All heavy atoms as atom14 arrays in JSON, in Angstrom:
{
  "sequence": "FAPRETGPIPPTATPDATDDYGRYKRRAEALVR",
  "atom14_mask": [
    [1, 1, 1, 1, 1, 1, 1, 1, 1, 1, 1, 0, 0, 0],
    [1, 1, 1, 1, 1, 0, 0, 0, 0, 0, 0, 0, 0, 0],
    [1, 1, 1, 1, 1, 1, 1, 0, 0, 0, 0, 0, 0, 0],
    [1, 1, 1, 1, 1, 1, 1, 1, 1, 1, 1, 0, 0, 0],
    [1, 1, 1, 1, 1, 1, 1, 1, 1, 0, 0, 0, 0, 0],
    [1, 1, 1, 1, 1, 1, 1, 0, 0, 0, 0, 0, 0, 0],
    [1, 1, 1, 1, 0, 0, 0, 0, 0, 0, 0, 0, 0, 0],
    [1, 1, 1, 1, 1, 1, 1, 0, 0, 0, 0, 0, 0, 0],
    [1, 1, 1, 1, 1, 1, 1, 1, 0, 0, 0, 0, 0, 0],
    [1, 1, 1, 1, 1, 1, 1, 0, 0, 0, 0, 0, 0, 0],
    [1, 1, 1, 1, 1, 1, 1, 0, 0, 0, 0, 0, 0, 0],
    [1, 1, 1, 1, 1, 1, 1, 0, 0, 0, 0, 0, 0, 0],
    [1, 1, 1, 1, 1, 0, 0, 0, 0, 0, 0, 0, 0, 0],
    [1, 1, 1, 1, 1, 1, 1, 0, 0, 0, 0, 0, 0, 0],
    [1, 1, 1, 1, 1, 1, 1, 0, 0, 0, 0, 0, 0, 0],
    [1, 1, 1, 1, 1, 1, 1, 1, 0, 0, 0, 0, 0, 0],
    [1, 1, 1, 1, 1, 0, 0, 0, 0, 0, 0, 0, 0, 0],
    [1, 1, 1, 1, 1, 1, 1, 0, 0, 0, 0, 0, 0, 0],
    [1, 1, 1, 1, 1, 1, 1, 1, 0, 0, 0, 0, 0, 0],
    [1, 1, 1, 1, 1, 1, 1, 1, 0, 0, 0, 0, 0, 0],
    [1, 1, 1, 1, 1, 1, 1, 1, 1, 1, 1, 1, 0, 0],
    [1, 1, 1, 1, 0, 0, 0, 0, 0, 0, 0, 0, 0, 0],
    [1, 1, 1, 1, 1, 1, 1, 1, 1, 1, 1, 0, 0, 0],
    [1, 1, 1, 1, 1, 1, 1, 1, 1, 1, 1, 1, 0, 0],
    [1, 1, 1, 1, 1, 1, 1, 1, 1, 0, 0, 0, 0, 0],
    [1, 1, 1, 1, 1, 1, 1, 1, 1, 1, 1, 0, 0, 0],
    [1, 1, 1, 1, 1, 1, 1, 1, 1, 1, 1, 0, 0, 0],
    [1, 1, 1, 1, 1, 0, 0, 0, 0, 0, 0, 0, 0, 0],
    [1, 1, 1, 1, 1, 1, 1, 1, 1, 0, 0, 0, 0, 0],
    [1, 1, 1, 1, 1, 0, 0, 0, 0, 0, 0, 0, 0, 0],
    [1, 1, 1, 1, 1, 1, 1, 1, 0, 0, 0, 0, 0, 0],
    [1, 1, 1, 1, 1, 1, 1, 0, 0, 0, 0, 0, 0, 0],
    [1, 1, 1, 1, 1, 1, 1, 1, 1, 1, 1, 0, 0, 0]
  ],
  "atom14_positions": [
    [[-52.06, -39.81, -89.0], [-50.51, -40.25, -88.88], [-49.68, -39.14, -89.5], [-50.03, -38.69, -90.58], [-50.37, -41.52, -89.6], [-51.19, -42.64, -89.05], [-52.25, -43.26, -89.73], [-50.8, -43.15, -87.78], [-52.8, -44.37, -89.14], [-51.55, -44.2, -87.15], [-52.58, -44.75, -87.79], [0.0, 0.0, 0.0], [0.0, 0.0, 0.0], [0.0, 0.0, 0.0]],
    [[-48.63, -38.76, -88.88], [-47.57, -38.09, -89.39], [-46.91, -38.57, -90.7], [-46.88, -39.85, -90.6], [-46.6, -37.63, -88.47], [0.0, 0.0, 0.0], [0.0, 0.0, 0.0], [0.0, 0.0, 0.0], [0.0, 0.0, 0.0], [0.0, 0.0, 0.0], [0.0, 0.0, 0.0], [0.0, 0.0, 0.0], [0.0, 0.0, 0.0], [0.0, 0.0, 0.0]],
    [[-46.4, -37.96, -91.55], [-45.55, -38.43, -92.69], [-44.59, -39.42, -92.17], [-43.83, -39.11, -91.14], [-45.11, -37.23, -93.39], [-45.97, -36.13, -93.09], [-46.42, -36.43, -91.65], [0.0, 0.0, 0.0], [0.0, 0.0, 0.0], [0.0, 0.0, 0.0], [0.0, 0.0, 0.0], [0.0, 0.0, 0.0], [0.0, 0.0, 0.0], [0.0, 0.0, 0.0]],
    [[-44.31, -40.49, -92.87], [-43.2, -41.38, -92.39], [-42.73, -42.2, -93.7], [-43.34, -42.24, -94.75], [-43.72, -42.35, -91.49], [-44.8, -43.33, -91.95], [-45.6, -43.98, -90.83], [-46.23, -42.92, -90.04], [-46.68, -43.12, -88.76], [-46.43, -44.19, -88.15], [-47.33, -42.15, -88.19], [0.0, 0.0, 0.0], [0.0, 0.0, 0.0], [0.0, 0.0, 0.0]],
    [[-41.41, -42.73, -93.53], [-40.92, -43.33, -94.7], [-41.15, -44.84, -94.88], [-40.92, -45.46, -95.88], [-39.38, -43.07, -94.74], [-38.96, -41.68, -94.86], [-37.41, -41.39, -94.96], [-36.71, -42.35, -94.83], [-36.93, -40.38, -94.88], [0.0, 0.0, 0.0], [0.0, 0.0, 0.0], [0.0, 0.0, 0.0], [0.0, 0.0, 0.0], [0.0, 0.0, 0.0]],
    [[-41.69, -45.45, -93.76], [-41.85, -46.79, -93.63], [-43.37, -47.21, -93.47], [-43.97, -46.55, -92.54], [-41.04, -47.59, -92.54], [-41.34, -46.99, -91.4], [-39.57, -47.46, -92.85], [0.0, 0.0, 0.0], [0.0, 0.0, 0.0], [0.0, 0.0, 0.0], [0.0, 0.0, 0.0], [0.0, 0.0, 0.0], [0.0, 0.0, 0.0], [0.0, 0.0, 0.0]],
    [[-43.9, -48.0, -94.29], [-45.27, -48.44, -94.12], [-45.34, -49.79, -94.71], [-44.32, -50.38, -94.95], [0.0, 0.0, 0.0], [0.0, 0.0, 0.0], [0.0, 0.0, 0.0], [0.0, 0.0, 0.0], [0.0, 0.0, 0.0], [0.0, 0.0, 0.0], [0.0, 0.0, 0.0], [0.0, 0.0, 0.0], [0.0, 0.0, 0.0], [0.0, 0.0, 0.0]],
    [[-46.48, -50.4, -94.8], [-47.81, -49.85, -94.52], [-48.14, -49.73, -93.04], [-47.41, -50.34, -92.27], [-48.88, -50.85, -95.19], [-48.03, -51.64, -96.17], [-46.54, -51.65, -95.55], [0.0, 0.0, 0.0], [0.0, 0.0, 0.0], [0.0, 0.0, 0.0], [0.0, 0.0, 0.0], [0.0, 0.0, 0.0], [0.0, 0.0, 0.0], [0.0, 0.0, 0.0]],
    [[-49.09, -48.98, -92.63], [-49.45, -48.55, -91.3], [-50.56, -49.37, -90.89], [-51.6, -49.4, -91.44], [-49.87, -47.07, -91.12], [-48.71, -46.15, -91.79], [-50.06, -46.75, -89.7], [-49.13, -44.78, -91.9], [0.0, 0.0, 0.0], [0.0, 0.0, 0.0], [0.0, 0.0, 0.0], [0.0, 0.0, 0.0], [0.0, 0.0, 0.0], [0.0, 0.0, 0.0]],
    [[-50.4, -50.27, -89.75], [-51.42, -51.14, -89.18], [-52.48, -50.32, -88.4], [-52.07, -49.27, -87.79], [-50.74, -52.1, -88.5], [-49.59, -51.39, -87.9], [-49.02, -50.44, -89.02], [0.0, 0.0, 0.0], [0.0, 0.0, 0.0], [0.0, 0.0, 0.0], [0.0, 0.0, 0.0], [0.0, 0.0, 0.0], [0.0, 0.0, 0.0], [0.0, 0.0, 0.0]],
    [[-53.58, -50.83, -88.1], [-54.65, -50.12, -87.3], [-54.17, -49.97, -85.85], [-54.69, -49.01, -85.14], [-55.91, -51.16, -87.4], [-55.62, -51.88, -88.53], [-54.25, -52.12, -88.75], [0.0, 0.0, 0.0], [0.0, 0.0, 0.0], [0.0, 0.0, 0.0], [0.0, 0.0, 0.0], [0.0, 0.0, 0.0], [0.0, 0.0, 0.0], [0.0, 0.0, 0.0]],
    [[-53.21, -50.82, -85.52], [-52.74, -50.67, -84.1], [-51.64, -49.59, -83.86], [-51.33, -49.24, -82.67], [-51.93, -52.08, -83.64], [-51.06, -52.42, -84.61], [-53.03, -53.02, -83.53], [0.0, 0.0, 0.0], [0.0, 0.0, 0.0], [0.0, 0.0, 0.0], [0.0, 0.0, 0.0], [0.0, 0.0, 0.0], [0.0, 0.0, 0.0], [0.0, 0.0, 0.0]],
    [[-51.2, -48.98, -84.93], [-50.29, -47.72, -84.82], [-50.87, -46.63, -84.1], [-52.11, -46.37, -84.22], [-49.8, -47.4, -86.2], [0.0, 0.0, 0.0], [0.0, 0.0, 0.0], [0.0, 0.0, 0.0], [0.0, 0.0, 0.0], [0.0, 0.0, 0.0], [0.0, 0.0, 0.0], [0.0, 0.0, 0.0], [0.0, 0.0, 0.0], [0.0, 0.0, 0.0]],
    [[-50.14, -45.93, -83.42], [-50.52, -44.71, -82.66], [-50.62, -43.51, -83.52], [-49.57, -43.1, -84.08], [-49.65, -44.54, -81.3], [-49.6, -45.68, -80.64], [-50.17, -43.42, -80.55], [0.0, 0.0, 0.0], [0.0, 0.0, 0.0], [0.0, 0.0, 0.0], [0.0, 0.0, 0.0], [0.0, 0.0, 0.0], [0.0, 0.0, 0.0], [0.0, 0.0, 0.0]],
    [[-51.8, -42.86, -83.51], [-51.79, -41.57, -84.46], [-50.9, -40.63, -83.78], [-50.97, -40.48, -82.55], [-53.38, -41.24, -84.22], [-54.05, -42.55, -84.01], [-53.22, -43.36, -83.17], [0.0, 0.0, 0.0], [0.0, 0.0, 0.0], [0.0, 0.0, 0.0], [0.0, 0.0, 0.0], [0.0, 0.0, 0.0], [0.0, 0.0, 0.0], [0.0, 0.0, 0.0]],
    [[-50.18, -40.01, -84.72], [-49.12, -39.05, -84.27], [-49.13, -37.78, -85.03], [-48.14, -36.99, -85.0], [-47.89, -39.69, -84.25], [-47.45, -40.26, -85.57], [-48.27, -40.15, -86.52], [-46.35, -40.74, -85.69], [0.0, 0.0, 0.0], [0.0, 0.0, 0.0], [0.0, 0.0, 0.0], [0.0, 0.0, 0.0], [0.0, 0.0, 0.0], [0.0, 0.0, 0.0]],
    [[-50.22, -37.46, -85.83], [-50.16, -36.3, -86.67], [-50.15, -35.06, -85.77], [-50.72, -35.06, -84.63], [-51.42, -36.2, -87.51], [0.0, 0.0, 0.0], [0.0, 0.0, 0.0], [0.0, 0.0, 0.0], [0.0, 0.0, 0.0], [0.0, 0.0, 0.0], [0.0, 0.0, 0.0], [0.0, 0.0, 0.0], [0.0, 0.0, 0.0], [0.0, 0.0, 0.0]],
    [[-49.5, -34.0, -86.21], [-49.41, -32.75, -85.42], [-50.03, -31.53, -86.13], [-50.14, -30.56, -85.57], [-47.95, -32.49, -85.07], [-47.1, -32.4, -86.24], [-47.32, -33.56, -84.13], [0.0, 0.0, 0.0], [0.0, 0.0, 0.0], [0.0, 0.0, 0.0], [0.0, 0.0, 0.0], [0.0, 0.0, 0.0], [0.0, 0.0, 0.0], [0.0, 0.0, 0.0]],
    [[-50.39, -31.69, -87.51], [-50.99, -30.61, -88.22], [-52.44, -30.46, -87.81], [-52.95, -31.36, -87.02], [-51.0, -30.97, -89.69], [-51.79, -32.22, -90.09], [-51.31, -33.24, -89.74], [-52.74, -31.98, -90.69], [0.0, 0.0, 0.0], [0.0, 0.0, 0.0], [0.0, 0.0, 0.0], [0.0, 0.0, 0.0], [0.0, 0.0, 0.0], [0.0, 0.0, 0.0]],
    [[-52.92, -29.38, -88.01], [-54.39, -29.11, -87.64], [-55.51, -30.09, -87.98], [-56.35, -30.51, -87.22], [-54.77, -27.69, -88.15], [-54.1, -26.46, -87.5], [-53.4, -26.75, -86.41], [-54.11, -25.34, -88.06], [0.0, 0.0, 0.0], [0.0, 0.0, 0.0], [0.0, 0.0, 0.0], [0.0, 0.0, 0.0], [0.0, 0.0, 0.0], [0.0, 0.0, 0.0]],
    [[-55.36, -30.54, -89.34], [-56.46, -31.48, -89.82], [-56.24, -32.82, -89.1], [-57.16, -33.5, -88.64], [-56.41, -31.59, -91.29], [-57.43, -32.58, -91.87], [-58.74, -32.18, -91.72], [-57.1, -33.84, -92.37], [-59.79, -33.02, -92.27], [-58.14, -34.62, -92.7], [-59.47, -34.3, -92.75], [-60.42, -35.22, -93.18], [0.0, 0.0, 0.0], [0.0, 0.0, 0.0]],
    [[-54.95, -33.32, -89.04], [-54.73, -34.58, -88.45], [-55.23, -34.52, -86.94], [-55.65, -35.48, -86.41], [0.0, 0.0, 0.0], [0.0, 0.0, 0.0], [0.0, 0.0, 0.0], [0.0, 0.0, 0.0], [0.0, 0.0, 0.0], [0.0, 0.0, 0.0], [0.0, 0.0, 0.0], [0.0, 0.0, 0.0], [0.0, 0.0, 0.0], [0.0, 0.0, 0.0]],
    [[-54.79, -33.45, -86.22], [-55.18, -33.44, -84.8], [-56.67, -33.31, -84.63], [-57.33, -33.94, -83.74], [-54.57, -32.16, -84.2], [-53.03, -32.36, -84.1], [-52.33, -31.02, -83.63], [-52.81, -30.6, -82.38], [-52.36, -29.43, -81.82], [-51.67, -28.56, -82.58], [-52.87, -29.08, -80.6], [0.0, 0.0, 0.0], [0.0, 0.0, 0.0], [0.0, 0.0, 0.0]],
    [[-57.25, -32.7, -85.53], [-58.82, -32.63, -85.62], [-59.48, -34.15, -85.72], [-60.31, -34.49, -84.99], [-59.33, -31.73, -86.73], [-60.76, -32.01, -87.2], [-61.89, -31.66, -86.46], [-60.97, -32.5, -88.46], [-63.13, -31.89, -86.98], [-62.2, -32.69, -88.99], [-63.28, -32.47, -88.25], [-64.59, -32.6, -88.77], [0.0, 0.0, 0.0], [0.0, 0.0, 0.0]],
    [[-58.97, -34.89, -86.7], [-59.29, -36.24, -86.88], [-59.09, -37.05, -85.68], [-59.82, -38.02, -85.29], [-58.81, -36.75, -88.06], [-59.62, -36.3, -89.36], [-60.99, -36.83, -89.42], [-61.69, -36.62, -90.74], [-63.08, -37.14, -90.7], [0.0, 0.0, 0.0], [0.0, 0.0, 0.0], [0.0, 0.0, 0.0], [0.0, 0.0, 0.0], [0.0, 0.0, 0.0]],
    [[-57.79, -36.83, -85.05], [-57.45, -37.6, -83.84], [-58.48, -37.32, -82.73], [-58.94, -38.33, -82.09], [-56.05, -37.28, -83.43], [-54.89, -37.85, -84.32], [-53.62, -37.19, -83.9], [-53.31, -37.7, -82.53], [-52.15, -37.36, -81.84], [-51.37, -36.54, -82.47], [-51.99, -37.75, -80.61], [0.0, 0.0, 0.0], [0.0, 0.0, 0.0], [0.0, 0.0, 0.0]],
    [[-58.75, -36.11, -82.54], [-59.8, -35.74, -81.5], [-61.15, -36.39, -81.72], [-61.81, -36.93, -80.69], [-59.82, -34.15, -81.26], [-58.51, -33.73, -80.71], [-58.76, -32.19, -80.27], [-59.14, -31.31, -81.41], [-58.45, -30.66, -82.16], [-57.14, -30.58, -81.96], [-58.83, -29.99, -83.13], [0.0, 0.0, 0.0], [0.0, 0.0, 0.0], [0.0, 0.0, 0.0]],
    [[-61.6, -36.29, -82.98], [-63.0, -36.81, -83.19], [-62.94, -38.37, -83.07], [-63.98, -38.84, -82.56], [-63.24, -36.4, -84.74], [0.0, 0.0, 0.0], [0.0, 0.0, 0.0], [0.0, 0.0, 0.0], [0.0, 0.0, 0.0], [0.0, 0.0, 0.0], [0.0, 0.0, 0.0], [0.0, 0.0, 0.0], [0.0, 0.0, 0.0], [0.0, 0.0, 0.0]],
    [[-61.93, -38.97, -83.44], [-61.81, -40.42, -83.29], [-61.95, -40.83, -81.78], [-62.7, -41.7, -81.34], [-60.55, -40.98, -83.75], [-60.41, -41.37, -85.2], [-59.18, -42.12, -85.5], [-58.46, -42.54, -84.62], [-58.93, -42.22, -86.76], [0.0, 0.0, 0.0], [0.0, 0.0, 0.0], [0.0, 0.0, 0.0], [0.0, 0.0, 0.0], [0.0, 0.0, 0.0]],
    [[-61.3, -40.03, -80.95], [-61.28, -40.32, -79.53], [-62.68, -40.1, -78.93], [-63.06, -40.92, -78.08], [-60.3, -39.37, -78.8], [0.0, 0.0, 0.0], [0.0, 0.0, 0.0], [0.0, 0.0, 0.0], [0.0, 0.0, 0.0], [0.0, 0.0, 0.0], [0.0, 0.0, 0.0], [0.0, 0.0, 0.0], [0.0, 0.0, 0.0], [0.0, 0.0, 0.0]],
    [[-63.33, -39.04, -79.37], [-64.74, -38.79, -78.93], [-65.58, -39.92, -79.24], [-66.47, -40.33, -78.47], [-65.12, -37.46, -79.45], [-64.61, -36.17, -78.91], [-65.08, -34.87, -79.67], [-65.08, -35.97, -77.46], [0.0, 0.0, 0.0], [0.0, 0.0, 0.0], [0.0, 0.0, 0.0], [0.0, 0.0, 0.0], [0.0, 0.0, 0.0], [0.0, 0.0, 0.0]],
    [[-65.47, -40.33, -80.48], [-66.37, -41.4, -80.93], [-66.08, -42.72, -80.18], [-66.97, -43.5, -79.68], [-66.18, -41.74, -82.47], [-66.96, -43.07, -82.98], [-66.71, -40.58, -83.2], [0.0, 0.0, 0.0], [0.0, 0.0, 0.0], [0.0, 0.0, 0.0], [0.0, 0.0, 0.0], [0.0, 0.0, 0.0], [0.0, 0.0, 0.0], [0.0, 0.0, 0.0]],
    [[-64.74, -43.03, -80.01], [-64.34, -44.33, -79.3], [-64.78, -44.23, -77.92], [-65.32, -45.26, -77.33], [-62.94, -44.43, -79.44], [-62.34, -45.81, -79.15], [-60.8, -45.9, -79.57], [-60.6, -45.79, -80.99], [-59.99, -44.77, -81.56], [-59.58, -43.74, -80.96], [-59.75, -44.88, -82.9], [0.0, 0.0, 0.0], [0.0, 0.0, 0.0], [0.0, 0.0, 0.0]]
  ]
}
């Protein structure tokens, strides 16, 4: 998830990170799923 001012973040939230590590984790999640 990208930094945000409002939380907590539920599991249903759409991952939106744009940094390298966040995008890496997003891709890995998608492959597993």
